[in-house]
Amino acid sequence: MFLERLCLWLARTNAWIVAPGGPEGGIVLGLDDGQRVSGGGATFTSLHPPGHTWGSVCLRLEVEGEAPVLFSGDHLFAGSVGRTDLPGGSSEALLASMADKILPLDDDLAVLPGHVPTTTIGRERATNPFLVGLSGAPARSARELPTLGRATG
């Protein structure tokens, strides 16, 4: 239901969601961390969580009458996190940005990753082996985290 409404909103407003490499091969709209863009009853708030790659971005979408969602891109997945072996990637920066920008979000916030099933912030805070311990308990160092396979993000 939500995705149908999002597609209808995008079609009705002629809006684009574009990242580097989109139309004409470049950024259509650059967003600063925390910047909000509103229109057609919807508001996108950008979150810049470093660590996966240079320029990593998550978008929180709020649509009137709907629960908000987080498009996490390749930063956060159900049970995993994004790779850090790409240009600009850093395990330490990824964990810090999770603790500072992602985990403080509401438990019931739906997360729509770039790959794999949807999840929630609360589920990932409680069960994601990369995140357990980042809020409330002492954080683990990047060396103590499970190794990511290349298939994830």
Protein backbone atom coordinates (compact mmCIF):
# COMPACT_ATOMS: atom_id res chain seq x y z
CA MET A 1 0.00 0.00 0.00
CA PHE A 2 2.70 2.49 0.97
CA LEU A 3 4.84 1.82 -2.10
CA GLU A 4 1.79 2.20 -4.34
CA ARG A 5 1.08 5.59 -2.73
CA LEU A 6 4.73 6.62 -3.12
CA CYS A 7 4.70 5.72 -6.82
CA LEU A 8 1.45 7.62 -7.31
CA TRP A 9 2.89 10.66 -5.50
CA LEU A 10 6.06 10.56 -7.63
CA ALA A 11 3.99 10.33 -10.83
CA ARG A 12 1.56 13.07 -9.75
CA THR A 13 4.28 15.55 -8.78
CA ASN A 14 6.78 14.65 -11.52
CA ALA A 15 9.33 14.22 -8.72
CA TRP A 16 12.65 12.46 -9.17
CA ILE A 17 14.67 10.52 -6.63
CA VAL A 18 18.12 10.62 -8.15
CA ALA A 19 21.62 9.75 -6.97
CA PRO A 20 24.96 10.18 -8.72
CA GLY A 21 24.80 8.48 -12.11
CA GLY A 22 21.12 9.33 -12.64
CA PRO A 23 19.75 11.41 -15.52
CA GLU A 24 22.57 13.09 -17.42
CA GLY A 25 25.01 11.18 -15.18
CA GLY A 26 25.00 13.58 -12.23
CA ILE A 27 23.32 14.75 -9.09
CA VAL A 28 20.02 16.50 -9.80
CA LEU A 29 19.61 17.83 -6.26
CA GLY A 30 22.30 17.76 -3.60
CA LEU A 31 20.98 17.61 -0.04
CA ASP A 32 22.84 18.63 3.09
CA ASP A 33 22.62 16.46 6.18
CA GLY A 34 19.26 17.11 7.83
CA GLN A 35 17.90 19.11 4.88
CA ARG A 36 14.20 18.66 4.20
CA VAL A 37 12.46 18.71 0.83
CA SER A 38 8.66 18.84 0.81
CA GLY A 39 5.96 18.64 -1.82
CA GLY A 40 2.74 16.87 -2.63
CA GLY A 41 2.07 15.99 1.00
CA ALA A 42 5.44 14.30 1.48
CA THR A 43 8.68 15.36 3.14
CA PHE A 44 12.11 13.79 2.59
CA THR A 45 14.78 14.41 5.23
CA SER A 46 18.35 13.54 4.27
CA LEU A 47 20.67 11.76 6.66
CA HIS A 48 24.34 11.53 5.73
CA PRO A 49 25.71 8.50 7.58
CA PRO A 50 29.32 8.01 6.52
CA GLY A 51 30.98 4.63 6.44
CA HIS A 52 29.60 2.61 3.52
CA THR A 53 31.04 4.83 0.81
CA TRP A 54 31.76 8.50 0.28
CA GLY A 55 28.46 10.31 -0.10
CA SER A 56 26.31 7.65 1.59
CA VAL A 57 22.80 8.95 2.17
CA CYS A 58 19.62 7.72 3.82
CA LEU A 59 16.27 9.39 3.24
CA ARG A 60 13.49 9.54 5.82
CA LEU A 61 10.12 9.92 4.10
CA GLU A 62 7.06 11.28 5.84
CA VAL A 63 3.77 11.22 3.91
CA GLU A 64 0.65 12.77 5.39
CA GLY A 65 -1.52 10.05 6.91
CA GLU A 66 1.17 7.33 6.69
CA ALA A 67 3.83 6.03 9.05
CA PRO A 68 7.30 7.36 8.14
CA VAL A 69 9.89 5.13 6.49
CA LEU A 70 13.66 5.22 6.11
CA PHE A 71 15.23 4.45 2.73
CA SER A 72 18.57 3.20 4.05
CA GLY A 73 20.23 2.54 0.70
CA ASP A 74 23.22 0.29 1.28
CA HIS A 75 23.92 1.58 4.79
CA LEU A 76 21.61 -0.64 6.85
CA PHE A 77 20.10 -4.01 5.96
CA ALA A 78 17.95 -6.57 7.77
CA GLY A 79 20.58 -8.34 9.87
CA SER A 80 23.56 -6.61 8.29
CA VAL A 81 25.19 -3.34 7.29
CA GLY A 82 26.78 -2.00 4.13
CA ARG A 83 30.20 -2.96 2.89
CA THR A 84 33.07 -0.74 3.94
CA ASP A 85 35.68 -1.93 1.43
CA LEU A 86 34.56 0.56 -1.23
CA PRO A 87 36.10 4.03 -1.82
CA GLY A 88 35.43 6.21 1.22
CA GLY A 89 34.28 3.24 3.30
CA SER A 90 35.26 2.90 6.96
CA SER A 91 34.05 0.39 9.57
CA GLU A 92 34.68 2.88 12.35
CA ALA A 93 32.75 5.66 10.57
CA LEU A 94 29.91 3.26 9.73
CA LEU A 95 29.49 2.19 13.36
CA ALA A 96 29.72 5.78 14.59
CA SER A 97 27.11 6.97 12.10
CA MET A 98 24.81 4.10 13.07
CA ALA A 99 25.11 5.06 16.74
CA ASP A 100 24.72 8.80 16.10
CA LYS A 101 22.19 9.00 13.25
CA ILE A 102 20.33 5.72 12.72
CA LEU A 103 19.85 4.03 16.11
CA PRO A 104 18.35 7.13 17.78
CA LEU A 105 15.40 6.88 15.35
CA ASP A 106 12.11 5.41 16.59
CA ASP A 107 11.95 1.63 17.06
CA ASP A 108 8.89 1.26 14.84
CA LEU A 109 10.40 3.22 11.92
CA ALA A 110 10.23 0.95 8.86
CA VAL A 111 13.55 0.54 7.02
CA LEU A 112 13.56 -0.07 3.27
CA PRO A 113 17.12 -1.12 2.36
CA GLY A 114 18.65 -1.09 -1.09
CA HIS A 115 18.58 -4.92 -1.04
CA VAL A 116 16.92 -7.68 1.01
CA PRO A 117 13.70 -7.54 3.06
CA THR A 118 12.35 -4.56 4.95
CA THR A 119 12.92 -4.27 8.69
CA THR A 120 12.55 -1.76 11.52
CA ILE A 121 15.02 0.26 13.57
CA GLY A 122 13.94 -1.58 16.73
CA ARG A 123 14.43 -5.02 15.19
CA GLU A 124 17.91 -4.09 13.96
CA ARG A 125 18.87 -2.48 17.27
CA ALA A 126 17.89 -5.71 19.08
CA THR A 127 19.07 -8.41 16.65
CA ASN A 128 21.56 -7.08 14.07
CA PRO A 129 24.97 -8.53 15.06
CA PHE A 130 26.70 -5.41 13.77
CA LEU A 131 24.56 -3.08 15.91
CA VAL A 132 23.93 -4.97 19.15
CA GLY A 133 25.93 -3.11 21.76
CA LEU A 134 25.98 0.24 19.97
CA SER A 135 23.11 1.60 22.07
CA GLY A 136 22.95 0.91 25.78
CA ALA A 137 25.74 -1.66 26.07
CA PRO A 138 29.41 -1.02 25.41
CA ALA A 139 30.09 -0.85 21.67
CA ARG A 140 32.23 -3.49 20.02
CA SER A 141 35.19 -2.45 17.94
CA ALA A 142 35.19 -3.01 14.18
CA ARG A 143 37.66 -5.88 14.73
CA GLU A 144 35.08 -7.70 16.89
CA LEU A 145 32.31 -7.53 14.28
CA PRO A 146 31.33 -10.42 12.00
CA THR A 147 32.95 -10.28 8.58
CA LEU A 148 30.72 -9.11 5.73
CA GLY A 149 30.54 -11.08 2.53
CA ARG A 150 30.81 -9.26 -0.76
CA ALA A 151 27.17 -10.05 -1.63
CA THR A 152 25.82 -7.47 0.86
CA GLY A 153 25.43 -3.87 -0.37
